[in-house]
Amino acid sequence: MEIPAIEQRKYMEISAIWAVGLCFLLAGHGFEADASHHGSRNLQYNTTEQPYRTAYHFQPPKNWMNDPNGPMYYNGVYHLFYQYNPYAAVWGNMTWGHSISYDLVNWVHLEYALNPTDPFDINGCFSGSATILPGGEPVILYTGLDSQNRQVQNLVVPKNISDSLLREWIKSPHNPLMTPTNGIDGNNFRDPTTAWQGPDKVWRVLVGSLINGHGEALLYRSRDFVNWEKSQIPLHSSDKTGMWECPDFYPVSISSRNGVDTSVQNADTKHVLKASFKENDHYIIGKYVPETDDYFIETDFLDVGSDLRYDYGNFYASKTFFDAAKKRRILWAWILESDTSSADIEKGWSGLQSIPRSVLLDQTGHRLIQWPIKEIEELRENQVTLLNKELKGGTVIEVHGTITASQADVEVLFDFPHLNEAEVLDPSWVDPQLLCSQKNASVKGGIGPFGLLVLASKDLTEQTAIFFRIFATHNEKYIVLMCSDQSRSSLRQDVDKTSYGAFVDVDPLHEKISLRSLIDHSIVESFGGEGRSCITARVYPELARNKEAHLYVFNDGTRSVKISRLDAWSMGKAEIVPNNRRRKSLFN
């Protein structure tokens, strides 16, 4: 089934109006933006010269990008700040890039928001977060690397709060506000969270740290957002982890599908604490008591049998914000390259941002559900649908039609006529990533592997397999394993082809298993079990590029599985409007 031509024309018209209107808006604010619809696309993305550059993921026109910083919604505009090197495709010269959007899909790059120009941040403006004060004014806390190479926490405020683009920021004369004293390691004291206000009207904020080899979320309090006092006791700590980078702390509703503001604390909320360590973003859930700042957790980081992560693949240094316009919490993350640094320098850029995801507490109350924001579906076109298709063991079916397999969105729902031949799960198989590496897509099983082959060459020499296996336990229950197998993703030998894995909290006896994959040239974001488990991968095919990429659905188990429904769409290109204003170098 294809999208009617009239709908495609409507999308193109809306897209063109958005780009032209934004150019006029920027011109009215004194900006020089590229008014050419095609010109902005060519600067952002060239399919011939840049086969790995994405079409609908956020990235600047060139150079290095890592952590998302201070995302917010202010006066009708979404803002994304990010760690950026203005001068090279490698890490260094840390500056805050700044881009704006009206839909979290199409973006305008603005001038840099923060530059390392003062003693308290002269060696780099590192990660931080935005807070919306009760009067509606946004402020930002960020980490600066000072003239003594210590990590300190600083404050900036908008120069003009009536400017919805928030183009200029003023550094507080009181900076630095928080310094590494009383045993705090100045090399491990960074990434302040969004602040929240308790019932006593006192502000709280967390800063990631490493104390005596233990990861900690240091707690600071302030009545005026300028004078901060460190609590004697951290909000939480762990002796199982190292340094906690980019901590995040926010409430989630127990009974509602809406997100809640960071300062909300009531009986209908639980609180999520996220910390980035060991190359992954781990989280725990608990009850926060604002009167005492106690945090009673359900399971701790790295507890046996509990390994809660936002994403079990390439996904790091994430940050959430509350979208007051649509009453939802949105999650961003840095997706780093799996290529070599020399390849990054050659192509002139490094790093992506994930597709923004909505975050909710699932019905059990014990884990989060993530799903791509609804707005991304506006890019869908050329739909292809399969219904009630049996996949016998050893079957590979190409998803034909007018879709562009290198730039696609795929949703598939699997059903299982028989579960009696599921392989028995060995009790020692507790590490899903290791299990996916040992039982990759080429290893036949009982029920599985079955799923998608994406960014695949015609002869399947290259392929990235996102698939499931179903195992039986000794107590007559079933365990679902989700894998992203990059072992055959590229003929190149110099790229990381690590396979990823996660267990998915679904019961195949009573529900079907869903998979959604967003494919964008060199990135695949996959959501299993309606977003209960997520895996992101970076891949660099030599053959399966652009129009030479193919999409398949497969089953290599001994038992048949059924495709209840498969929908696939080509994805259009996001509009990325560059800011052409020239800048003088700030660095020697």
Protein backbone atom coordinates (compact mmCIF):
# COMPACT_ATOMS: atom_id res chain seq x y z
CA MET A 1 0.00 0.00 0.00
CA GLU A 2 1.49 3.36 -0.98
CA ILE A 3 0.77 6.78 0.49
CA PRO A 4 -1.52 8.61 -1.96
CA ALA A 5 0.25 11.12 -4.18
CA ILE A 6 -1.79 13.98 -2.72
CA GLU A 7 -0.43 13.20 0.76
CA GLN A 8 3.12 13.14 -0.55
CA ARG A 9 2.62 16.53 -2.23
CA LYS A 10 1.09 17.90 0.99
CA TYR A 11 4.16 16.83 2.97
CA MET A 12 6.51 18.38 0.39
CA GLU A 13 4.58 21.65 0.50
CA ILE A 14 4.61 21.77 4.30
CA SER A 15 8.32 20.95 4.29
CA ALA A 16 9.11 23.73 1.81
CA ILE A 17 6.96 26.25 3.74
CA TRP A 18 8.80 25.29 6.96
CA ALA A 19 12.22 25.88 5.42
CA VAL A 20 11.35 29.16 3.71
CA GLY A 21 9.45 30.49 6.75
CA LEU A 22 12.36 29.66 9.02
CA CYS A 23 14.77 31.48 6.76
CA PHE A 24 12.56 34.62 6.97
CA LEU A 25 12.36 34.23 10.75
CA LEU A 26 16.13 34.00 11.06
CA ALA A 27 16.63 36.94 8.72
CA GLY A 28 14.34 38.95 10.97
CA HIS A 29 16.61 38.07 13.89
CA GLY A 30 19.75 39.15 12.05
CA PHE A 31 20.88 35.73 10.83
CA GLU A 32 22.29 34.71 7.49
CA ALA A 33 20.77 31.32 6.71
CA ASP A 34 20.95 29.40 3.46
CA ALA A 35 17.63 30.18 1.81
CA SER A 36 18.09 27.45 -0.78
CA HIS A 37 16.11 24.37 0.13
CA HIS A 38 18.45 22.20 -1.93
CA GLY A 39 21.56 24.06 -0.88
CA SER A 40 20.96 23.33 2.79
CA ARG A 41 20.47 19.68 2.00
CA ASN A 42 23.71 19.49 0.06
CA LEU A 43 25.67 21.00 2.92
CA GLN A 44 24.08 18.63 5.40
CA TYR A 45 24.12 15.44 3.38
CA ASN A 46 25.55 14.17 0.09
CA THR A 47 24.68 10.58 -0.82
CA THR A 48 27.56 10.20 -3.29
CA GLU A 49 30.40 11.67 -1.26
CA GLN A 50 29.06 10.86 2.20
CA PRO A 51 27.48 7.37 2.20
CA TYR A 52 27.46 7.21 6.01
CA ARG A 53 25.97 10.63 6.65
CA THR A 54 22.43 10.41 7.96
CA ALA A 55 19.28 11.89 6.44
CA TYR A 56 16.99 12.34 9.44
CA HIS A 57 19.20 12.10 12.53
CA PHE A 58 20.49 15.31 14.06
CA GLN A 59 24.09 16.22 13.32
CA PRO A 60 25.93 19.47 12.62
CA PRO A 61 27.28 20.13 9.11
CA LYS A 62 30.81 19.13 10.10
CA ASN A 63 33.26 18.37 12.91
CA TRP A 64 32.97 16.55 16.23
CA MET A 65 29.81 16.32 18.34
CA ASN A 66 29.17 14.33 21.51
CA ASP A 67 26.87 14.80 24.54
CA PRO A 68 23.43 16.42 24.20
CA ASN A 69 23.28 19.33 26.64
CA GLY A 70 20.48 21.42 28.11
CA PRO A 71 17.59 20.40 25.84
CA MET A 72 14.49 22.47 26.57
CA TYR A 73 11.21 23.82 25.25
CA TYR A 74 10.95 27.60 25.55
CA ASN A 75 8.40 30.00 24.09
CA GLY A 76 7.30 27.63 21.34
CA VAL A 77 10.82 26.59 20.34
CA TYR A 78 12.79 23.41 21.05
CA HIS A 79 16.44 23.98 21.86
CA LEU A 80 19.24 21.43 21.67
CA PHE A 81 22.73 22.29 22.86
CA TYR A 82 25.57 19.83 22.41
CA GLN A 83 29.27 19.29 23.00
CA TYR A 84 31.03 20.47 19.87
CA ASN A 85 34.53 20.97 18.47
CA PRO A 86 34.26 23.85 15.98
CA TYR A 87 37.60 23.05 14.34
CA ALA A 88 37.99 19.31 13.80
CA ALA A 89 36.27 15.93 13.61
CA VAL A 90 38.04 14.76 16.78
CA TRP A 91 37.38 15.56 20.43
CA GLY A 92 38.74 18.88 21.73
CA ASN A 93 38.05 22.62 22.07
CA MET A 94 34.79 21.89 23.89
CA THR A 95 32.13 24.45 22.99
CA TRP A 96 28.35 24.37 23.21
CA GLY A 97 26.72 24.09 19.80
CA HIS A 98 23.12 25.30 19.62
CA SER A 99 20.27 24.40 17.28
CA ILE A 100 16.54 25.09 17.33
CA SER A 101 13.45 23.33 16.02
CA TYR A 102 9.67 23.56 16.04
CA ASP A 103 9.10 19.82 15.73
CA LEU A 104 12.29 18.03 16.96
CA VAL A 105 12.85 16.76 13.40
CA ASN A 106 13.83 19.79 11.28
CA TRP A 107 16.55 22.04 12.66
CA VAL A 108 18.34 25.36 12.32
CA HIS A 109 21.94 25.65 13.48
CA LEU A 110 22.60 28.86 15.42
CA GLU A 111 25.74 30.49 16.78
CA TYR A 112 27.62 28.70 19.55
CA ALA A 113 25.95 29.25 22.91
CA LEU A 114 28.98 28.82 25.19
CA ASN A 115 32.65 29.40 24.41
CA PRO A 116 35.62 28.75 26.73
CA THR A 117 36.70 32.34 27.33
CA ASP A 118 36.84 32.83 31.12
CA PRO A 119 39.12 31.52 33.89
CA PHE A 120 36.38 29.18 35.16
CA ASP A 121 35.94 27.48 31.74
CA ILE A 122 39.04 28.47 29.76
CA ASN A 123 39.94 24.85 29.07
CA GLY A 124 36.49 23.78 27.92
CA CYS A 125 32.76 24.19 28.36
CA PHE A 126 31.60 20.69 29.24
CA SER A 127 28.20 19.10 29.76
CA GLY A 128 25.30 20.53 31.72
CA SER A 129 21.55 20.97 31.91
CA ALA A 130 18.83 23.59 31.60
CA THR A 131 16.26 24.44 34.26
CA ILE A 132 13.10 26.50 33.75
CA LEU A 133 12.59 28.74 36.77
CA PRO A 134 9.07 29.34 38.19
CA GLY A 135 8.71 32.61 36.26
CA GLY A 136 9.47 30.81 33.01
CA GLU A 137 13.08 31.97 32.64
CA PRO A 138 15.57 29.32 31.48
CA VAL A 139 18.99 29.00 33.11
CA ILE A 140 21.84 26.59 32.48
CA LEU A 141 24.31 24.95 34.83
CA TYR A 142 27.38 23.51 33.11
CA THR A 143 30.83 22.16 33.91
CA GLY A 144 33.84 24.29 33.06
CA LEU A 145 37.44 23.15 33.04
CA ASP A 146 39.12 26.05 34.77
CA SER A 147 42.61 27.55 34.47
CA GLN A 148 43.86 25.01 37.03
CA ASN A 149 42.33 22.15 35.01
CA ARG A 150 39.72 21.56 37.71
CA GLN A 151 36.11 20.72 36.87
CA VAL A 152 33.82 23.40 38.34
CA GLN A 153 30.11 24.16 37.97
CA ASN A 154 28.99 27.42 36.37
CA LEU A 155 25.77 29.31 35.64
CA VAL A 156 24.63 31.16 32.51
CA VAL A 157 21.41 33.08 31.90
CA PRO A 158 19.86 34.43 28.68
CA LYS A 159 20.89 37.93 27.65
CA ASN A 160 17.35 38.58 26.43
CA ILE A 161 14.54 36.35 27.70
CA SER A 162 12.15 37.79 25.11
CA ASP A 163 14.31 36.26 22.37
CA SER A 164 12.70 32.85 21.82
CA LEU A 165 15.83 31.76 19.92
CA LEU A 166 17.98 32.32 23.06
CA ARG A 167 20.92 33.29 20.90
CA GLU A 168 23.06 34.95 23.56
CA TRP A 169 23.95 33.83 27.07
CA ILE A 170 25.63 35.71 29.91
CA LYS A 171 27.96 33.95 32.32
CA SER A 172 27.25 34.68 35.97
CA PRO A 173 29.71 36.98 37.76
CA HIS A 174 29.49 34.53 40.67
CA ASN A 175 31.07 31.67 38.69
CA PRO A 176 32.23 29.15 39.64
CA LEU A 177 29.29 28.24 41.88
CA MET A 178 30.48 24.78 42.90
CA THR A 179 34.13 23.77 43.21
CA PRO A 180 35.87 20.47 44.09
CA THR A 181 36.61 20.89 47.79
CA ASN A 182 36.60 18.64 50.86
CA GLY A 183 37.93 15.53 49.20
CA ILE A 184 36.20 15.88 45.82
CA ASP A 185 38.47 14.92 42.92
CA GLY A 186 38.74 17.87 40.53
CA ASN A 187 39.09 15.42 37.65
CA ASN A 188 35.81 13.67 38.48
CA PHE A 189 33.26 16.35 39.30
CA ARG A 190 30.99 17.18 36.39
CA ASP A 191 27.72 17.22 34.47
CA PRO A 192 25.12 18.95 36.69
CA THR A 193 21.53 17.79 36.25
CA THR A 194 18.38 19.77 35.69
CA ALA A 195 17.58 21.28 39.10
CA TRP A 196 14.33 20.64 40.93
CA GLN A 197 12.56 22.51 43.69
CA GLY A 198 11.32 20.81 46.83
CA PRO A 199 8.25 21.69 48.91
CA ASP A 200 10.54 23.92 51.00
CA LYS A 201 11.23 26.03 47.84
CA VAL A 202 14.89 25.03 48.01
CA TRP A 203 16.56 24.01 44.75
CA ARG A 204 18.42 20.73 44.42
CA VAL A 205 20.87 19.59 41.76
CA LEU A 206 23.07 16.53 41.30
CA VAL A 207 26.68 16.46 40.09
CA GLY A 208 28.39 13.25 38.99
CA SER A 209 31.50 12.25 40.91
CA LEU A 210 33.90 9.49 41.90
CA ILE A 211 34.66 9.29 45.63
CA ASN A 212 37.05 6.61 46.91
CA GLY A 213 36.50 4.60 43.75
CA HIS A 214 32.70 4.73 44.05
CA GLY A 215 30.31 6.43 41.64
CA GLU A 216 28.21 9.09 43.37
CA ALA A 217 25.47 11.60 42.67
CA LEU A 218 26.52 14.52 44.86
CA LEU A 219 23.56 16.59 46.09
CA TYR A 220 23.69 20.39 46.30
CA ARG A 221 21.01 22.78 47.63
CA SER A 222 20.33 26.48 47.03
CA ARG A 223 17.61 29.03 47.75
CA ASP A 224 18.68 31.51 45.08
CA PHE A 225 20.28 29.28 42.39
CA VAL A 226 23.60 31.05 42.98
CA ASN A 227 24.82 30.01 46.43
CA TRP A 228 24.99 26.23 46.59
CA GLU A 229 25.76 24.04 49.59
CA LYS A 230 26.84 20.43 49.31
CA SER A 231 24.85 17.85 51.26
CA GLN A 232 26.79 15.66 53.66
CA ILE A 233 25.16 12.61 52.07
CA PRO A 234 24.94 11.96 48.31
CA LEU A 235 21.55 11.20 46.85
CA HIS A 236 22.92 7.79 45.88
CA SER A 237 26.23 6.00 45.42
CA SER A 238 27.51 2.58 44.36
CA ASP A 239 30.64 0.56 45.06
CA LYS A 240 30.07 -1.47 41.85
CA THR A 241 30.67 1.32 39.37
CA GLY A 242 33.24 3.90 38.44
CA MET A 243 32.67 7.58 37.71
CA TRP A 244 29.05 8.59 37.06
CA GLU A 245 28.96 10.80 34.00
CA CYS A 246 25.94 12.78 32.86
CA PRO A 247 23.60 11.84 35.74
CA ASP A 248 19.89 12.48 35.27
CA PHE A 249 17.13 12.45 37.89
CA TYR A 250 13.46 12.89 37.08
CA PRO A 251 9.95 11.75 38.02
CA VAL A 252 7.75 9.42 35.98
CA SER A 253 4.03 8.96 36.46
CA ILE A 254 2.78 5.65 37.80
CA SER A 255 -0.76 5.91 36.42
CA SER A 256 -0.60 8.39 33.51
CA ARG A 257 0.80 8.22 29.99
CA ASN A 258 1.94 11.83 30.33
CA GLY A 259 5.36 13.00 31.38
CA VAL A 260 5.76 15.19 34.44
CA ASP A 261 7.85 18.24 35.23
CA THR A 262 11.15 17.66 37.01
CA SER A 263 9.97 19.35 40.22
CA VAL A 264 6.84 17.19 40.60
CA GLN A 265 6.94 14.90 43.65
CA ASN A 266 3.81 13.09 44.80
CA ALA A 267 2.38 9.66 45.54
CA ASP A 268 1.73 9.03 41.84
CA THR A 269 5.37 9.32 40.82
CA LYS A 270 8.49 7.25 40.95
CA HIS A 271 11.93 8.68 40.26
CA VAL A 272 14.50 7.55 37.73
CA LEU A 273 18.21 7.97 38.40
CA LYS A 274 20.41 7.50 35.34
CA ALA A 275 24.19 7.37 35.29
CA SER A 276 26.53 6.89 32.33
CA PHE A 277 29.36 4.45 32.99
CA LYS A 278 31.04 1.48 31.35
CA GLU A 279 30.04 2.82 27.91
CA ASN A 280 26.32 2.47 28.67
CA ASP A 281 23.50 4.48 30.20
CA HIS A 282 22.20 2.59 33.22
CA TYR A 283 19.17 3.55 35.29
CA ILE A 284 17.41 2.59 38.49
CA ILE A 285 13.91 3.36 39.76
CA GLY A 286 12.80 4.27 43.26
CA LYS A 287 10.74 6.50 45.52
CA TYR A 288 12.13 9.91 46.32
CA VAL A 289 11.19 11.67 49.58
CA PRO A 290 11.68 15.41 49.02
CA GLU A 291 11.34 16.35 52.69
CA THR A 292 14.47 14.36 53.58
CA ASP A 293 16.07 13.85 50.14
CA ASP A 294 16.03 10.10 50.70
CA TYR A 295 15.91 7.88 47.63
CA PHE A 296 14.62 4.34 48.22
CA ILE A 297 15.53 2.21 45.23
CA GLU A 298 13.98 -1.05 44.06
CA THR A 299 17.18 -2.56 42.59
CA ASP A 300 20.65 -1.04 42.39
CA PHE A 301 23.03 -0.55 39.50
CA LEU A 302 24.52 -3.85 38.27
CA ASP A 303 22.55 -6.00 40.73
CA VAL A 304 22.44 -9.65 39.75
CA GLY A 305 19.38 -10.23 37.58
CA SER A 306 18.79 -6.51 37.12
CA ASP A 307 20.55 -4.64 34.35
CA LEU A 308 18.33 -1.72 33.41
CA ARG A 309 19.68 0.39 30.56
CA TYR A 310 18.10 2.89 28.23
CA ASP A 311 19.72 1.10 25.31
CA TYR A 312 21.87 -2.01 25.11
CA GLY A 313 23.91 -0.83 22.14
CA ASN A 314 25.76 2.33 21.11
CA PHE A 315 24.02 5.00 23.21
CA TYR A 316 25.71 7.23 25.79
CA ALA A 317 25.69 10.48 27.79
CA SER A 318 21.93 10.86 27.42
CA LYS A 319 19.78 13.69 28.70
CA THR A 320 16.03 14.06 29.17
CA PHE A 321 13.82 17.14 29.37
CA PHE A 322 10.15 17.77 30.08
CA ASP A 323 8.25 18.99 27.02
CA ALA A 324 5.58 21.20 28.60
CA ALA A 325 3.84 21.73 25.25
CA LYS A 326 2.95 18.06 24.81
CA LYS A 327 3.23 16.84 28.40
CA ARG A 328 5.94 14.29 27.70
CA ARG A 329 9.51 13.51 28.72
CA ILE A 330 11.96 13.38 25.82
CA LEU A 331 15.27 11.51 25.78
CA TRP A 332 18.33 12.36 23.67
CA ALA A 333 21.68 10.53 23.51
CA TRP A 334 25.03 10.70 21.79
CA ILE A 335 25.59 7.92 19.26
CA LEU A 336 29.32 7.76 18.74
CA GLU A 337 31.12 6.45 15.68
CA SER A 338 32.26 2.83 15.47
CA ASP A 339 34.65 3.80 12.69
CA THR A 340 38.31 4.85 13.00
CA SER A 341 39.42 8.35 13.93
CA SER A 342 41.26 8.63 10.62
CA ALA A 343 38.00 7.84 8.80
CA ASP A 344 36.20 10.51 10.85
CA ILE A 345 38.83 13.07 9.88
CA GLU A 346 38.57 12.06 6.23
CA LYS A 347 34.79 12.41 6.14
CA GLY A 348 34.95 15.61 8.20
CA TRP A 349 32.51 14.77 11.00
CA SER A 350 31.94 12.49 13.96
CA GLY A 351 28.92 11.71 16.14
CA LEU A 352 25.13 11.68 15.88
CA GLN A 353 22.22 12.31 18.18
CA SER A 354 19.62 9.59 18.61
CA ILE A 355 16.09 10.09 17.37
CA PRO A 356 14.33 11.82 20.29
CA ARG A 357 12.40 9.25 22.32
CA SER A 358 9.45 9.58 24.65
CA VAL A 359 9.99 7.94 28.05
CA LEU A 360 7.28 6.35 30.19
CA LEU A 361 7.06 3.93 33.10
CA ASP A 362 5.70 0.59 31.93
CA GLN A 363 2.63 -1.08 33.45
CA THR A 364 4.71 -3.17 35.85
CA GLY A 365 6.24 -0.03 37.33
CA HIS A 366 9.69 -1.62 37.25
CA ARG A 367 11.17 -0.45 33.94
CA LEU A 368 10.90 2.26 31.30
CA ILE A 369 9.38 2.17 27.84
CA GLN A 370 10.93 4.25 25.07
CA TRP A 371 9.47 5.09 21.66
CA PRO A 372 10.47 7.44 18.85
CA ILE A 373 8.59 10.72 19.02
CA LYS A 374 5.43 10.86 16.91
CA GLU A 375 6.76 13.73 14.78
CA ILE A 376 9.32 11.50 13.07
CA GLU A 377 6.45 9.70 11.33
CA GLU A 378 5.86 12.85 9.25
CA LEU A 379 8.87 11.77 7.19
CA ARG A 380 7.29 8.45 6.21
CA GLU A 381 6.44 7.83 2.55
CA ASN A 382 5.98 4.95 0.06
CA GLN A 383 4.46 2.45 2.49
CA VAL A 384 4.76 -1.30 1.92
CA THR A 385 2.66 -3.77 3.93
CA LEU A 386 2.76 -7.55 4.46
CA LEU A 387 -0.09 -9.32 6.27
CA ASN A 388 -0.37 -12.81 7.78
CA LYS A 389 2.75 -14.18 6.12
CA GLU A 390 4.15 -17.52 7.30
CA LEU A 391 7.91 -17.65 7.65
CA LYS A 392 9.07 -21.25 7.51
CA GLY A 393 12.48 -22.23 8.82
CA GLY A 394 15.25 -21.12 6.47
CA THR A 395 13.10 -18.45 4.78
CA VAL A 396 14.43 -15.05 3.68
CA ILE A 397 11.93 -12.66 2.06
CA GLU A 398 12.88 -9.31 0.56
CA VAL A 399 10.59 -6.43 1.40
CA HIS A 400 9.99 -5.18 -2.13
CA GLY A 401 8.29 -2.01 -3.26
CA THR A 402 9.24 1.61 -3.59
CA ILE A 403 10.91 2.00 -0.20
CA THR A 404 14.50 3.14 0.11
CA ALA A 405 16.07 0.48 2.30
CA SER A 406 19.00 2.66 3.39
CA GLN A 407 16.63 5.27 4.81
CA ALA A 408 13.60 3.53 6.26
CA ASP A 409 11.25 2.91 9.18
CA VAL A 410 10.07 -0.68 9.67
CA GLU A 411 7.52 -2.09 12.10
CA VAL A 412 6.84 -5.82 12.27
CA LEU A 413 4.70 -7.98 14.56
CA PHE A 414 5.54 -11.68 14.98
CA ASP A 415 3.24 -14.46 16.18
CA PHE A 416 4.03 -18.07 17.10
CA PRO A 417 1.78 -21.02 16.25
CA HIS A 418 4.01 -23.37 18.26
CA LEU A 419 6.37 -22.80 21.16
CA ASN A 420 7.04 -26.44 22.02
CA GLU A 421 10.41 -26.58 20.23
CA ALA A 422 11.98 -23.62 21.97
CA GLU A 423 15.57 -24.23 22.99
CA VAL A 424 16.03 -24.72 26.75
CA LEU A 425 17.79 -21.80 28.38
CA ASP A 426 20.94 -22.76 30.24
CA PRO A 427 20.87 -21.09 33.69
CA SER A 428 24.41 -19.83 33.05
CA TRP A 429 23.22 -17.76 30.05
CA VAL A 430 22.77 -14.55 32.02
CA ASP A 431 24.67 -12.14 29.74
CA PRO A 432 22.50 -11.31 26.71
CA GLN A 433 25.30 -9.61 24.78
CA LEU A 434 27.56 -12.62 25.17
CA LEU A 435 24.69 -14.91 24.22
CA CYS A 436 24.03 -12.88 21.06
CA SER A 437 27.71 -13.09 20.15
CA GLN A 438 27.75 -16.85 20.62
CA LYS A 439 24.41 -17.41 18.91
CA ASN A 440 24.53 -14.86 16.14
CA ALA A 441 22.18 -14.72 13.16
CA SER A 442 23.98 -17.57 11.38
CA VAL A 443 23.43 -20.05 14.24
CA LYS A 444 20.23 -22.03 13.73
CA GLY A 445 17.88 -22.53 16.66
CA GLY A 446 14.44 -23.83 17.54
CA ILE A 447 12.33 -20.67 17.59
CA GLY A 448 14.69 -18.16 16.05
CA PRO A 449 16.71 -16.44 14.97
CA PHE A 450 13.92 -14.49 13.23
CA GLY A 451 13.70 -10.78 12.46
CA LEU A 452 15.07 -8.25 9.98
CA LEU A 453 18.17 -8.07 7.80
CA VAL A 454 18.81 -4.36 7.22
CA LEU A 455 21.43 -2.49 5.20
CA ALA A 456 21.96 -5.78 3.38
CA SER A 457 23.58 -6.34 0.00
CA LYS A 458 21.65 -8.22 -2.67
CA ASP A 459 23.64 -11.42 -2.08
CA LEU A 460 23.56 -10.96 1.73
CA THR A 461 27.36 -10.70 1.89
CA GLU A 462 26.74 -7.63 4.00
CA GLN A 463 23.86 -7.52 6.47
CA THR A 464 22.96 -6.23 9.90
CA ALA A 465 20.59 -8.66 11.60
CA ILE A 466 18.12 -7.52 14.27
CA PHE A 467 16.43 -10.64 15.55
CA PHE A 468 14.83 -12.58 18.38
CA ARG A 469 15.22 -16.03 19.89
CA ILE A 470 12.75 -17.64 22.25
CA PHE A 471 14.06 -19.92 24.98
CA ALA A 472 12.14 -22.18 27.35
CA THR A 473 12.96 -22.29 31.06
CA HIS A 474 12.73 -25.28 33.34
CA ASN A 475 9.63 -23.85 35.04
CA GLU A 476 7.64 -23.80 31.77
CA LYS A 477 8.13 -20.10 31.07
CA TYR A 478 9.73 -18.41 28.09
CA ILE A 479 12.58 -15.93 27.75
CA VAL A 480 12.90 -13.65 24.71
CA LEU A 481 16.35 -12.60 23.57
CA MET A 482 16.81 -9.61 21.22
CA CYS A 483 20.06 -9.23 19.28
CA SER A 484 21.67 -6.75 16.93
CA ASP A 485 24.34 -8.67 15.02
CA GLN A 486 26.92 -6.47 13.28
CA SER A 487 29.39 -9.28 12.54
CA ARG A 488 28.61 -9.15 8.80
CA SER A 489 27.62 -5.50 8.58
CA SER A 490 30.61 -4.48 6.46
CA LEU A 491 33.38 -5.94 4.33
CA ARG A 492 35.70 -3.48 6.04
CA GLN A 493 37.95 -4.93 8.70
CA ASP A 494 38.78 -1.66 10.48
CA VAL A 495 35.36 -0.94 12.02
CA ASP A 496 33.88 -2.13 15.29
CA LYS A 497 31.39 -4.93 14.65
CA THR A 498 30.42 -5.66 18.24
CA SER A 499 27.11 -7.48 18.60
CA TYR A 500 24.60 -6.30 21.19
CA GLY A 501 21.89 -8.11 23.11
CA ALA A 502 19.08 -7.66 25.60
CA PHE A 503 16.37 -9.76 27.17
CA VAL A 504 12.89 -8.46 26.38
CA ASP A 505 10.19 -8.53 29.05
CA VAL A 506 7.43 -10.10 26.94
CA ASP A 507 5.56 -13.38 27.31
CA PRO A 508 5.16 -15.03 23.88
CA LEU A 509 2.46 -17.29 25.32
CA HIS A 510 0.13 -14.32 25.68
CA GLU A 511 1.40 -11.59 23.38
CA LYS A 512 3.02 -11.09 20.02
CA ILE A 513 6.56 -9.77 19.73
CA SER A 514 7.03 -6.42 18.01
CA LEU A 515 10.12 -4.93 16.44
CA ARG A 516 10.62 -1.43 15.06
CA SER A 517 13.86 -0.39 13.36
CA LEU A 518 14.80 3.09 12.18
CA ILE A 519 17.45 2.75 9.46
CA ASP A 520 19.49 5.76 8.38
CA HIS A 521 22.58 4.88 6.29
CA SER A 522 25.03 4.20 9.14
CA ILE A 523 22.75 3.89 12.16
CA VAL A 524 20.03 1.41 13.11
CA GLU A 525 17.86 2.13 16.17
CA SER A 526 15.72 -0.86 17.15
CA PHE A 527 12.87 -1.10 19.66
CA GLY A 528 11.77 -4.54 20.85
CA GLY A 529 8.58 -5.42 22.70
CA GLU A 530 6.97 -1.99 22.05
CA GLY A 531 10.04 -0.23 23.44
CA ARG A 532 10.76 -2.36 26.48
CA SER A 533 14.28 -3.09 25.18
CA CYS A 534 16.20 -0.89 22.73
CA ILE A 535 19.43 -1.47 20.80
CA THR A 536 21.27 1.08 18.66
CA ALA A 537 24.09 0.17 16.29
CA ARG A 538 26.45 2.02 13.93
CA VAL A 539 27.36 0.18 10.72
CA TYR A 540 29.49 1.06 7.69
CA PRO A 541 28.62 -1.14 4.70
CA GLU A 542 30.78 -1.12 1.59
CA LEU A 543 28.21 -2.71 -0.71
CA ALA A 544 24.82 -2.01 0.89
CA ARG A 545 24.89 1.75 0.48
CA ASN A 546 22.14 4.09 -0.70
CA LYS A 547 20.22 2.43 -3.57
CA GLU A 548 22.24 -0.78 -3.23
CA ALA A 549 20.86 -1.46 0.25
CA HIS A 550 18.12 -4.09 0.66
CA LEU A 551 15.68 -5.01 3.43
CA TYR A 552 14.71 -8.58 4.29
CA VAL A 553 12.65 -10.41 6.89
CA PHE A 554 13.95 -13.85 7.84
CA ASN A 555 13.54 -16.95 9.98
CA ASP A 556 16.40 -19.39 10.49
CA GLY A 557 14.83 -21.47 13.24
CA THR A 558 13.42 -24.95 12.79
CA ARG A 559 9.87 -23.84 13.62
CA SER A 560 7.74 -21.47 11.58
CA VAL A 561 6.84 -18.01 12.79
CA LYS A 562 4.12 -15.77 11.40
CA ILE A 563 4.33 -12.16 10.36
CA SER A 564 1.04 -10.81 11.65
CA ARG A 565 1.82 -7.47 10.06
CA LEU A 566 4.82 -5.70 8.57
CA ASP A 567 4.83 -2.04 7.56
CA ALA A 568 7.85 -0.37 5.98
CA TRP A 569 8.28 3.20 4.80
CA SER A 570 10.95 5.22 3.10
CA MET A 571 11.97 8.15 5.25
CA GLY A 572 12.34 11.63 3.84
CA LYS A 573 15.22 13.93 4.70
CA ALA A 574 14.97 16.26 7.66
CA GLU A 575 15.44 19.93 6.85
CA ILE A 576 18.70 21.15 8.38
CA VAL A 577 19.25 24.88 7.84
CA PRO A 578 22.83 26.03 8.46
CA ASN A 579 23.82 29.37 9.89
CA ASN A 580 26.35 30.96 7.54
CA ARG A 581 27.63 33.68 9.82
CA ARG A 582 31.44 33.57 9.91
CA ARG A 583 33.33 33.39 13.19
CA LYS A 584 36.88 34.19 14.18
CA SER A 585 38.81 31.41 15.85
CA LEU A 586 38.57 31.40 19.63
CA PHE A 587 41.43 28.99 20.00
CA ASN A 588 45.11 29.32 19.19
